[in-house]
Amino acid sequence: MTGTTRSSEGLDIRRRKLLFRSWHRGMREMDLILGSFADARIADLTHAELDQYERLLDVSDPVLLPLATGEQPIPDGNDNEILKKIVAFRQAMTFQS
């Protein structure tokens, strides 16, 4: 089981691939962070945000995890809107739990 709560039905091919990649990172913690974000937001991302998200998925889990959890500040070179949205989404989900 992937953990996804969203069907890929109705998504274009690019979004389907990104949804799948979000849930199949290799590190379970990143699967949960990115997969949950993708479940909730993938359909609403702009093309520019999809470009940023695609590039972000190429970052290795050990590098991305401390950024996504807020353990490390986001470096200037990676300071993009999609990463900010992921961090904010995760924080909102943490406070709802």
PDB file of N, CA and C in Angstrom:
ATOM      1  N   MET A   1       0.844  -1.196   0.000  1.00  0.00           N
ATOM      2  CA  MET A   1       0.000   0.000   0.000  1.00  0.00           C
ATOM      3  C   MET A   1       0.878   1.244   0.000  1.00  0.00           C
ATOM      4  N   THR A   2       0.527   2.196  -0.797  1.00  0.00           N
ATOM      5  CA  THR A   2       1.340   3.401  -0.918  1.00  0.00           C
ATOM      6  C   THR A   2       1.042   4.406   0.183  1.00  0.00           C
ATOM      7  N   GLY A   3      -0.141   4.434   0.700  1.00  0.00           N
ATOM      8  CA  GLY A   3      -0.533   5.442   1.669  1.00  0.00           C
ATOM      9  C   GLY A   3      -1.366   6.535   1.042  1.00  0.00           C
ATOM     10  N   THR A   4      -1.404   6.586  -0.266  1.00  0.00           N
ATOM     11  CA  THR A   4      -2.137   7.643  -0.932  1.00  0.00           C
ATOM     12  C   THR A   4      -3.628   7.541  -0.639  1.00  0.00           C
ATOM     13  N   THR A   5      -4.228   8.697  -0.518  1.00  0.00           N
ATOM     14  CA  THR A   5      -5.678   8.749  -0.310  1.00  0.00           C
ATOM     15  C   THR A   5      -6.361   9.342  -1.531  1.00  0.00           C
ATOM     16  N   ARG A   6      -5.561   9.647  -2.545  1.00  0.00           N
ATOM     17  CA  ARG A   6      -6.090  10.297  -3.739  1.00  0.00           C
ATOM     18  C   ARG A   6      -5.942   9.376  -4.933  1.00  0.00           C
ATOM     19  N   SER A   7      -6.977   9.305  -5.719  1.00  0.00           N
ATOM     20  CA  SER A   7      -6.906   8.569  -6.974  1.00  0.00           C
ATOM     21  C   SER A   7      -6.232   9.458  -8.012  1.00  0.00           C
ATOM     22  N   SER A   8      -5.507   8.847  -8.924  1.00  0.00           N
ATOM     23  CA  SER A   8      -4.893   9.635  -9.991  1.00  0.00           C
ATOM     24  C   SER A   8      -5.885   9.901 -11.122  1.00  0.00           C
ATOM     25  N   GLU A   9      -7.074   9.358 -10.994  1.00  0.00           N
ATOM     26  CA  GLU A   9      -8.106   9.568 -12.012  1.00  0.00           C
ATOM     27  C   GLU A   9      -8.397  11.061 -12.142  1.00  0.00           C
ATOM     28  N   GLY A  10      -8.455  11.523 -13.371  1.00  0.00           N
ATOM     29  CA  GLY A  10      -8.748  12.923 -13.635  1.00  0.00           C
ATOM     30  C   GLY A  10      -7.507  13.798 -13.695  1.00  0.00           C
ATOM     31  N   LEU A  11      -6.344  13.242 -13.374  1.00  0.00           N
ATOM     32  CA  LEU A  11      -5.105  14.007 -13.450  1.00  0.00           C
ATOM     33  C   LEU A  11      -4.443  13.782 -14.801  1.00  0.00           C
ATOM     34  N   ASP A  12      -3.750  14.798 -15.295  1.00  0.00           N
ATOM     35  CA  ASP A  12      -2.987  14.609 -16.528  1.00  0.00           C
ATOM     36  C   ASP A  12      -1.784  13.709 -16.229  1.00  0.00           C
ATOM     37  N   ILE A  13      -1.120  13.265 -17.272  1.00  0.00           N
ATOM     38  CA  ILE A  13      -0.026  12.303 -17.119  1.00  0.00           C
ATOM     39  C   ILE A  13       1.100  12.845 -16.240  1.00  0.00           C
ATOM     40  N   ARG A  14       1.446  14.099 -16.439  1.00  0.00           N
ATOM     41  CA  ARG A  14       2.528  14.685 -15.637  1.00  0.00           C
ATOM     42  C   ARG A  14       2.198  14.643 -14.151  1.00  0.00           C
ATOM     43  N   ARG A  15       0.985  15.041 -13.791  1.00  0.00           N
ATOM     44  CA  ARG A  15       0.582  15.035 -12.383  1.00  0.00           C
ATOM     45  C   ARG A  15       0.501  13.606 -11.835  1.00  0.00           C
ATOM     46  N   ARG A  16       0.062  12.659 -12.652  1.00  0.00           N
ATOM     47  CA  ARG A  16       0.026  11.261 -12.216  1.00  0.00           C
ATOM     48  C   ARG A  16       1.427  10.763 -11.871  1.00  0.00           C
ATOM     49  N   LYS A  17       2.384  11.079 -12.729  1.00  0.00           N
ATOM     50  CA  LYS A  17       3.762  10.658 -12.485  1.00  0.00           C
ATOM     51  C   LYS A  17       4.321  11.304 -11.214  1.00  0.00           C
ATOM     52  N   LEU A  18       4.037  12.589 -11.035  1.00  0.00           N
ATOM     53  CA  LEU A  18       4.526  13.286  -9.851  1.00  0.00           C
ATOM     54  C   LEU A  18       3.878  12.739  -8.579  1.00  0.00           C
ATOM     55  N   LEU A  19       2.607  12.406  -8.653  1.00  0.00           N
ATOM     56  CA  LEU A  19       1.927  11.809  -7.507  1.00  0.00           C
ATOM     57  C   LEU A  19       2.582  10.475  -7.150  1.00  0.00           C
ATOM     58  N   PHE A  20       2.840   9.652  -8.149  1.00  0.00           N
ATOM     59  CA  PHE A  20       3.484   8.361  -7.915  1.00  0.00           C
ATOM     60  C   PHE A  20       4.874   8.563  -7.312  1.00  0.00           C
ATOM     61  N   ARG A  21       5.666   9.445  -7.893  1.00  0.00           N
ATOM     62  CA  ARG A  21       7.019   9.696  -7.393  1.00  0.00           C
ATOM     63  C   ARG A  21       7.008  10.235  -5.965  1.00  0.00           C
ATOM     64  N   SER A  22       5.978  10.982  -5.618  1.00  0.00           N
ATOM     65  CA  SER A  22       5.876  11.539  -4.273  1.00  0.00           C
ATOM     66  C   SER A  22       5.712  10.450  -3.223  1.00  0.00           C
ATOM     67  N   TRP A  23       5.026   9.384  -3.583  1.00  0.00           N
ATOM     68  CA  TRP A  23       4.773   8.284  -2.651  1.00  0.00           C
ATOM     69  C   TRP A  23       5.830   7.186  -2.729  1.00  0.00           C
ATOM     70  N   HIS A  24       6.763   7.286  -3.646  1.00  0.00           N
ATOM     71  CA  HIS A  24       7.776   6.240  -3.833  1.00  0.00           C
ATOM     72  C   HIS A  24       9.179   6.833  -3.823  1.00  0.00           C
ATOM     73  N   ARG A  25       9.521   7.472  -2.744  1.00  0.00           N
ATOM     74  CA  ARG A  25      10.806   8.151  -2.601  1.00  0.00           C
ATOM     75  C   ARG A  25      11.913   7.186  -2.193  1.00  0.00           C
ATOM     76  N   GLY A  26      11.603   6.284  -1.304  1.00  0.00           N
ATOM     77  CA  GLY A  26      12.625   5.399  -0.768  1.00  0.00           C
ATOM     78  C   GLY A  26      12.736   5.550   0.740  1.00  0.00           C
ATOM     79  N   MET A  27      12.582   6.754   1.248  1.00  0.00           N
ATOM     80  CA  MET A  27      12.590   6.995   2.685  1.00  0.00           C
ATOM     81  C   MET A  27      11.138   7.239   3.106  1.00  0.00           C
ATOM     82  N   ARG A  28      10.642   6.419   3.992  1.00  0.00           N
ATOM     83  CA  ARG A  28       9.223   6.476   4.364  1.00  0.00           C
ATOM     84  C   ARG A  28       8.786   7.861   4.842  1.00  0.00           C
ATOM     85  N   GLU A  29       9.647   8.535   5.580  1.00  0.00           N
ATOM     86  CA  GLU A  29       9.307   9.868   6.079  1.00  0.00           C
ATOM     87  C   GLU A  29       9.030  10.829   4.921  1.00  0.00           C
ATOM     88  N   MET A  30       9.851  10.738   3.881  1.00  0.00           N
ATOM     89  CA  MET A  30       9.653  11.612   2.726  1.00  0.00           C
ATOM     90  C   MET A  30       8.439  11.176   1.918  1.00  0.00           C
ATOM     91  N   ASP A  31       8.173   9.869   1.856  1.00  0.00           N
ATOM     92  CA  ASP A  31       6.941   9.394   1.212  1.00  0.00           C
ATOM     93  C   ASP A  31       5.735  10.058   1.867  1.00  0.00           C
ATOM     94  N   LEU A  32       5.721  10.065   3.184  1.00  0.00           N
ATOM     95  CA  LEU A  32       4.573  10.622   3.912  1.00  0.00           C
ATOM     96  C   LEU A  32       4.454  12.134   3.740  1.00  0.00           C
ATOM     97  N   ILE A  33       5.572  12.834   3.803  1.00  0.00           N
ATOM     98  CA  ILE A  33       5.535  14.295   3.658  1.00  0.00           C
ATOM     99  C   ILE A  33       5.119  14.686   2.248  1.00  0.00           C
ATOM    100  N   LEU A  34       5.857  14.178   1.249  1.00  0.00           N
ATOM    101  CA  LEU A  34       5.577  14.582  -0.133  1.00  0.00           C
ATOM    102  C   LEU A  34       4.313  13.930  -0.672  1.00  0.00           C
ATOM    103  N   GLY A  35       4.059  12.690  -0.290  1.00  0.00           N
ATOM    104  CA  GLY A  35       2.852  12.011  -0.749  1.00  0.00           C
ATOM    105  C   GLY A  35       1.588  12.683  -0.245  1.00  0.00           C
ATOM    106  N   SER A  36       1.594  13.036   1.031  1.00  0.00           N
ATOM    107  CA  SER A  36       0.425  13.722   1.603  1.00  0.00           C
ATOM    108  C   SER A  36       0.223  15.084   0.954  1.00  0.00           C
ATOM    109  N   PHE A  37       1.328  15.797   0.741  1.00  0.00           N
ATOM    110  CA  PHE A  37       1.240  17.095   0.060  1.00  0.00           C
ATOM    111  C   PHE A  37       0.667  16.919  -1.343  1.00  0.00           C
ATOM    112  N   ALA A  38       1.199  15.958  -2.086  1.00  0.00           N
ATOM    113  CA  ALA A  38       0.737  15.724  -3.456  1.00  0.00           C
ATOM    114  C   ALA A  38      -0.732  15.313  -3.482  1.00  0.00           C
ATOM    115  N   ASP A  39      -1.130  14.440  -2.555  1.00  0.00           N
ATOM    116  CA  ASP A  39      -2.545  14.055  -2.492  1.00  0.00           C
ATOM    117  C   ASP A  39      -3.445  15.276  -2.386  1.00  0.00           C
ATOM    118  N   ALA A  40      -3.044  16.211  -1.539  1.00  0.00           N
ATOM    119  CA  ALA A  40      -3.885  17.370  -1.259  1.00  0.00           C
ATOM    120  C   ALA A  40      -3.771  18.479  -2.302  1.00  0.00           C
ATOM    121  N   ARG A  41      -2.594  18.638  -2.920  1.00  0.00           N
ATOM    122  CA  ARG A  41      -2.358  19.847  -3.723  1.00  0.00           C
ATOM    123  C   ARG A  41      -2.008  19.634  -5.188  1.00  0.00           C
ATOM    124  N   ILE A  42      -1.697  18.418  -5.617  1.00  0.00           N
ATOM    125  CA  ILE A  42      -1.154  18.209  -6.967  1.00  0.00           C
ATOM    126  C   ILE A  42      -2.077  18.745  -8.069  1.00  0.00           C
ATOM    127  N   ALA A  43      -3.357  18.621  -7.889  1.00  0.00           N
ATOM    128  CA  ALA A  43      -4.300  19.057  -8.932  1.00  0.00           C
ATOM    129  C   ALA A  43      -4.335  20.574  -9.091  1.00  0.00           C
ATOM    130  N   ASP A  44      -3.930  21.301  -8.051  1.00  0.00           N
ATOM    131  CA  ASP A  44      -4.040  22.761  -8.062  1.00  0.00           C
ATOM    132  C   ASP A  44      -2.742  23.483  -8.376  1.00  0.00           C
ATOM    133  N   LEU A  45      -1.641  22.753  -8.535  1.00  0.00           N
ATOM    134  CA  LEU A  45      -0.364  23.412  -8.789  1.00  0.00           C
ATOM    135  C   LEU A  45      -0.313  23.984 -10.194  1.00  0.00           C
ATOM    136  N   THR A  46       0.277  25.156 -10.303  1.00  0.00           N
ATOM    137  CA  THR A  46       0.469  25.790 -11.614  1.00  0.00           C
ATOM    138  C   THR A  46       1.592  25.062 -12.353  1.00  0.00           C
ATOM    139  N   HIS A  47       1.759  25.371 -13.630  1.00  0.00           N
ATOM    140  CA  HIS A  47       2.848  24.758 -14.400  1.00  0.00           C
ATOM    141  C   HIS A  47       4.211  25.139 -13.814  1.00  0.00           C
ATOM    142  N   ALA A  48       4.356  26.382 -13.381  1.00  0.00           N
ATOM    143  CA  ALA A  48       5.621  26.810 -12.768  1.00  0.00           C
ATOM    144  C   ALA A  48       5.876  26.041 -11.476  1.00  0.00           C
ATOM    145  N   GLU A  49       4.830  25.841 -10.679  1.00  0.00           N
ATOM    146  CA  GLU A  49       4.984  25.079  -9.438  1.00  0.00           C
ATOM    147  C   GLU A  49       5.283  23.612  -9.732  1.00  0.00           C
ATOM    148  N   LEU A  50       4.672  23.075 -10.789  1.00  0.00           N
ATOM    149  CA  LEU A  50       4.985  21.691 -11.175  1.00  0.00           C
ATOM    150  C   LEU A  50       6.448  21.565 -11.582  1.00  0.00           C
ATOM    151  N   ASP A  51       6.968  22.561 -12.282  1.00  0.00           N
ATOM    152  CA  ASP A  51       8.391  22.563 -12.649  1.00  0.00           C
ATOM    153  C   ASP A  51       9.263  22.545 -11.397  1.00  0.00           C
ATOM    154  N   GLN A  52       8.933  23.405 -10.431  1.00  0.00           N
ATOM    155  CA  GLN A  52       9.681  23.454  -9.175  1.00  0.00           C
ATOM    156  C   GLN A  52       9.567  22.133  -8.427  1.00  0.00           C
ATOM    157  N   TYR A  53       8.366  21.575  -8.394  1.00  0.00           N
ATOM    158  CA  TYR A  53       8.138  20.322  -7.668  1.00  0.00           C
ATOM    159  C   TYR A  53       8.929  19.178  -8.310  1.00  0.00           C
ATOM    160  N   GLU A  54       8.944  19.154  -9.616  1.00  0.00           N
ATOM    161  CA  GLU A  54       9.702  18.127 -10.344  1.00  0.00           C
ATOM    162  C   GLU A  54      11.190  18.209  -9.996  1.00  0.00           C
ATOM    163  N   ARG A  55      11.726  19.412  -9.967  1.00  0.00           N
ATOM    164  CA  ARG A  55      13.137  19.597  -9.605  1.00  0.00           C
ATOM    165  C   ARG A  55      13.378  19.189  -8.156  1.00  0.00           C
ATOM    166  N   LEU A  56      12.425  19.498  -7.298  1.00  0.00           N
ATOM    167  CA  LEU A  56      12.548  19.155  -5.881  1.00  0.00           C
ATOM    168  C   LEU A  56      12.563  17.640  -5.680  1.00  0.00           C
ATOM    169  N   LEU A  57      11.793  16.923  -6.478  1.00  0.00           N
ATOM    170  CA  LEU A  57      11.765  15.464  -6.367  1.00  0.00           C
ATOM    171  C   LEU A  57      13.093  14.830  -6.772  1.00  0.00           C
ATOM    172  N   ASP A  58      13.945  15.575  -7.457  1.00  0.00           N
ATOM    173  CA  ASP A  58      15.267  15.078  -7.826  1.00  0.00           C
ATOM    174  C   ASP A  58      16.293  15.239  -6.698  1.00  0.00           C
ATOM    175  N   VAL A  59      15.928  15.974  -5.658  1.00  0.00           N
ATOM    176  CA  VAL A  59      16.818  16.163  -4.508  1.00  0.00           C
ATOM    177  C   VAL A  59      16.753  14.899  -3.656  1.00  0.00           C
ATOM    178  N   SER A  60      17.891  14.447  -3.182  1.00  0.00           N
ATOM    179  CA  SER A  60      17.931  13.214  -2.389  1.00  0.00           C
ATOM    180  C   SER A  60      17.212  13.390  -1.051  1.00  0.00           C
ATOM    181  N   ASP A  61      16.670  12.298  -0.557  1.00  0.00           N
ATOM    182  CA  ASP A  61      15.927  12.325   0.706  1.00  0.00           C
ATOM    183  C   ASP A  61      16.751  12.862   1.878  1.00  0.00           C
ATOM    184  N   PRO A  62      18.005  12.421   2.058  1.00  0.00           N
ATOM    185  CA  PRO A  62      18.775  12.947   3.198  1.00  0.00           C
ATOM    186  C   PRO A  62      18.999  14.459   3.146  1.00  0.00           C
ATOM    187  N   VAL A  63      19.023  15.031   1.967  1.00  0.00           N
ATOM    188  CA  VAL A  63      19.179  16.483   1.826  1.00  0.00           C
ATOM    189  C   VAL A  63      17.832  17.181   2.028  1.00  0.00           C
ATOM    190  N   LEU A  64      16.777  16.602   1.476  1.00  0.00           N
ATOM    191  CA  LEU A  64      15.459  17.243   1.493  1.00  0.00           C
ATOM    192  C   LEU A  64      14.735  17.129   2.834  1.00  0.00           C
ATOM    193  N   LEU A  65      14.886  16.028   3.532  1.00  0.00           N
ATOM    194  CA  LEU A  65      14.140  15.809   4.778  1.00  0.00           C
ATOM    195  C   LEU A  65      14.330  16.925   5.806  1.00  0.00           C
ATOM    196  N   PRO A  66      15.570  17.321   6.143  1.00  0.00           N
ATOM    197  CA  PRO A  66      15.692  18.388   7.148  1.00  0.00           C
ATOM    198  C   PRO A  66      15.133  19.732   6.685  1.00  0.00           C
ATOM    199  N   LEU A  67      15.084  19.957   5.380  1.00  0.00           N
ATOM    200  CA  LEU A  67      14.484  21.189   4.868  1.00  0.00           C
ATOM    201  C   LEU A  67      12.965  21.132   4.995  1.00  0.00           C
ATOM    202  N   ALA A  68      12.393  19.989   4.647  1.00  0.00           N
ATOM    203  CA  ALA A  68      10.939  19.827   4.678  1.00  0.00           C
ATOM    204  C   ALA A  68      10.387  19.815   6.098  1.00  0.00           C
ATOM    205  N   THR A  69      11.207  19.379   7.051  1.00  0.00           N
ATOM    206  CA  THR A  69      10.747  19.333   8.439  1.00  0.00           C
ATOM    207  C   THR A  69      11.067  20.602   9.209  1.00  0.00           C
ATOM    208  N   GLY A  70      11.837  21.498   8.597  1.00  0.00           N
ATOM    209  CA  GLY A  70      12.209  22.731   9.268  1.00  0.00           C
ATOM    210  C   GLY A  70      13.406  22.582  10.187  1.00  0.00           C
ATOM    211  N   GLU A  71      14.048  21.410  10.181  1.00  0.00           N
ATOM    212  CA  GLU A  71      15.232  21.204  11.014  1.00  0.00           C
ATOM    213  C   GLU A  71      16.403  22.043  10.527  1.00  0.00           C
ATOM    214  N   GLN A  72      16.428  22.327   9.228  1.00  0.00           N
ATOM    215  CA  GLN A  72      17.448  23.194   8.651  1.00  0.00           C
ATOM    216  C   GLN A  72      16.747  24.282   7.845  1.00  0.00           C
ATOM    217  N   PRO A  73      17.307  25.481   7.844  1.00  0.00           N
ATOM    218  CA  PRO A  73      16.710  26.539   7.022  1.00  0.00           C
ATOM    219  C   PRO A  73      16.876  26.215   5.539  1.00  0.00           C
ATOM    220  N   ILE A  74      15.973  26.702   4.748  1.00  0.00           N
ATOM    221  CA  ILE A  74      16.024  26.489   3.305  1.00  0.00           C
ATOM    222  C   ILE A  74      17.132  27.378   2.739  1.00  0.00           C
ATOM    223  N   PRO A  75      18.130  26.767   2.068  1.00  0.00           N
ATOM    224  CA  PRO A  75      19.205  27.585   1.485  1.00  0.00           C
ATOM    225  C   PRO A  75      18.657  28.516   0.407  1.00  0.00           C
ATOM    226  N   ASP A  76      19.327  29.630   0.213  1.00  0.00           N
ATOM    227  CA  ASP A  76      18.889  30.626  -0.770  1.00  0.00           C
ATOM    228  C   ASP A  76      18.649  30.017  -2.148  1.00  0.00           C
ATOM    229  N   GLY A  77      19.491  29.099  -2.588  1.00  0.00           N
ATOM    230  CA  GLY A  77      19.344  28.500  -3.914  1.00  0.00           C
ATOM    231  C   GLY A  77      18.116  27.633  -4.049  1.00  0.00           C
ATOM    232  N   ASN A  78      17.581  27.123  -2.936  1.00  0.00           N
ATOM    233  CA  ASN A  78      16.399  26.255  -2.966  1.00  0.00           C
ATOM    234  C   ASN A  78      15.159  26.950  -2.425  1.00  0.00           C
ATOM    235  N   ASP A  79      15.257  28.229  -2.185  1.00  0.00           N
ATOM    236  CA  ASP A  79      14.161  28.975  -1.587  1.00  0.00           C
ATOM    237  C   ASP A  79      13.108  29.276  -2.653  1.00  0.00           C
ATOM    238  N   ASN A  80      12.247  28.287  -2.919  1.00  0.00           N
ATOM    239  CA  ASN A  80      11.207  28.489  -3.929  1.00  0.00           C
ATOM    240  C   ASN A  80       9.827  28.312  -3.299  1.00  0.00           C
ATOM    241  N   GLU A  81       8.840  28.726  -4.013  1.00  0.00           N
ATOM    242  CA  GLU A  81       7.479  28.734  -3.482  1.00  0.00           C
ATOM    243  C   GLU A  81       6.962  27.332  -3.155  1.00  0.00           C
ATOM    244  N   ILE A  82       7.307  26.345  -3.948  1.00  0.00           N
ATOM    245  CA  ILE A  82       6.762  25.014  -3.724  1.00  0.00           C
ATOM    246  C   ILE A  82       7.318  24.408  -2.435  1.00  0.00           C
ATOM    247  N   LEU A  83       8.600  24.625  -2.157  1.00  0.00           N
ATOM    248  CA  LEU A  83       9.173  24.116  -0.914  1.00  0.00           C
ATOM    249  C   LEU A  83       8.546  24.819   0.282  1.00  0.00           C
ATOM    250  N   LYS A  84       8.302  26.117   0.159  1.00  0.00           N
ATOM    251  CA  LYS A  84       7.609  26.846   1.230  1.00  0.00           C
ATOM    252  C   LYS A  84       6.208  26.269   1.448  1.00  0.00           C
ATOM    253  N   LYS A  85       5.512  25.930   0.359  1.00  0.00           N
ATOM    254  CA  LYS A  85       4.172  25.349   0.479  1.00  0.00           C
ATOM    255  C   LYS A  85       4.213  23.982   1.157  1.00  0.00           C
ATOM    256  N   ILE A  86       5.216  23.194   0.854  1.00  0.00           N
ATOM    257  CA  ILE A  86       5.350  21.872   1.474  1.00  0.00           C
ATOM    258  C   ILE A  86       5.583  22.018   2.973  1.00  0.00           C
ATOM    259  N   VAL A  87       6.485  22.919   3.358  1.00  0.00           N
ATOM    260  CA  VAL A  87       6.772  23.146   4.774  1.00  0.00           C
ATOM    261  C   VAL A  87       5.515  23.648   5.493  1.00  0.00           C
ATOM    262  N   ALA A  88       4.810  24.599   4.904  1.00  0.00           N
ATOM    263  CA  ALA A  88       3.585  25.132   5.517  1.00  0.00           C
ATOM    264  C   ALA A  88       2.515  24.055   5.613  1.00  0.00           C
ATOM    265  N   PHE A  89       2.377  23.223   4.578  1.00  0.00           N
ATOM    266  CA  PHE A  89       1.403  22.143   4.584  1.00  0.00           C
ATOM    267  C   PHE A  89       1.718  21.166   5.705  1.00  0.00           C
ATOM    268  N   ARG A  90       2.974  20.786   5.832  1.00  0.00           N
ATOM    269  CA  ARG A  90       3.378  19.846   6.872  1.00  0.00           C
ATOM    270  C   ARG A  90       3.118  20.425   8.256  1.00  0.00           C
ATOM    271  N   GLN A  91       3.434  21.694   8.452  1.00  0.00           N
ATOM    272  CA  GLN A  91       3.193  22.332   9.746  1.00  0.00           C
ATOM    273  C   GLN A  91       1.705  22.377  10.066  1.00  0.00           C
ATOM    274  N   ALA A  92       0.881  22.673   9.065  1.00  0.00           N
ATOM    275  CA  ALA A  92      -0.567  22.699   9.285  1.00  0.00           C
ATOM    276  C   ALA A  92      -1.092  21.320   9.645  1.00  0.00           C
ATOM    277  N   MET A  93      -0.570  20.288   8.991  1.00  0.00           N
ATOM    278  CA  MET A  93      -1.004  18.918   9.273  1.00  0.00           C
ATOM    279  C   MET A  93      -0.554  18.487  10.672  1.00  0.00           C
ATOM    280  N   THR A  94       0.624  18.939  11.099  1.00  0.00           N
ATOM    281  CA  THR A  94       1.138  18.603  12.421  1.00  0.00           C
ATOM    282  C   THR A  94       0.246  19.204  13.504  1.00  0.00           C
ATOM    283  N   PHE A  95      -0.204  20.439  13.293  1.00  0.00           N
ATOM    284  CA  PHE A  95      -1.037  21.098  14.277  1.00  0.00           C
ATOM    285  C   PHE A  95      -2.458  20.528  14.305  1.00  0.00           C
ATOM    286  N   GLN A  96      -2.902  19.912  13.214  1.00  0.00           N
ATOM    287  CA  GLN A  96      -4.231  19.308  13.193  1.00  0.00           C
ATOM    288  C   GLN A  96      -4.261  17.968  13.893  1.00  0.00           C
ATOM    289  N   SER A  97      -3.117  17.313  13.977  1.00  0.00           N
ATOM    290  CA  SER A  97      -3.047  15.982  14.586  1.00  0.00           C
ATOM    291  C   SER A  97      -3.205  16.023  16.071  1.00  0.00           C
TER     292      SER A  97
END
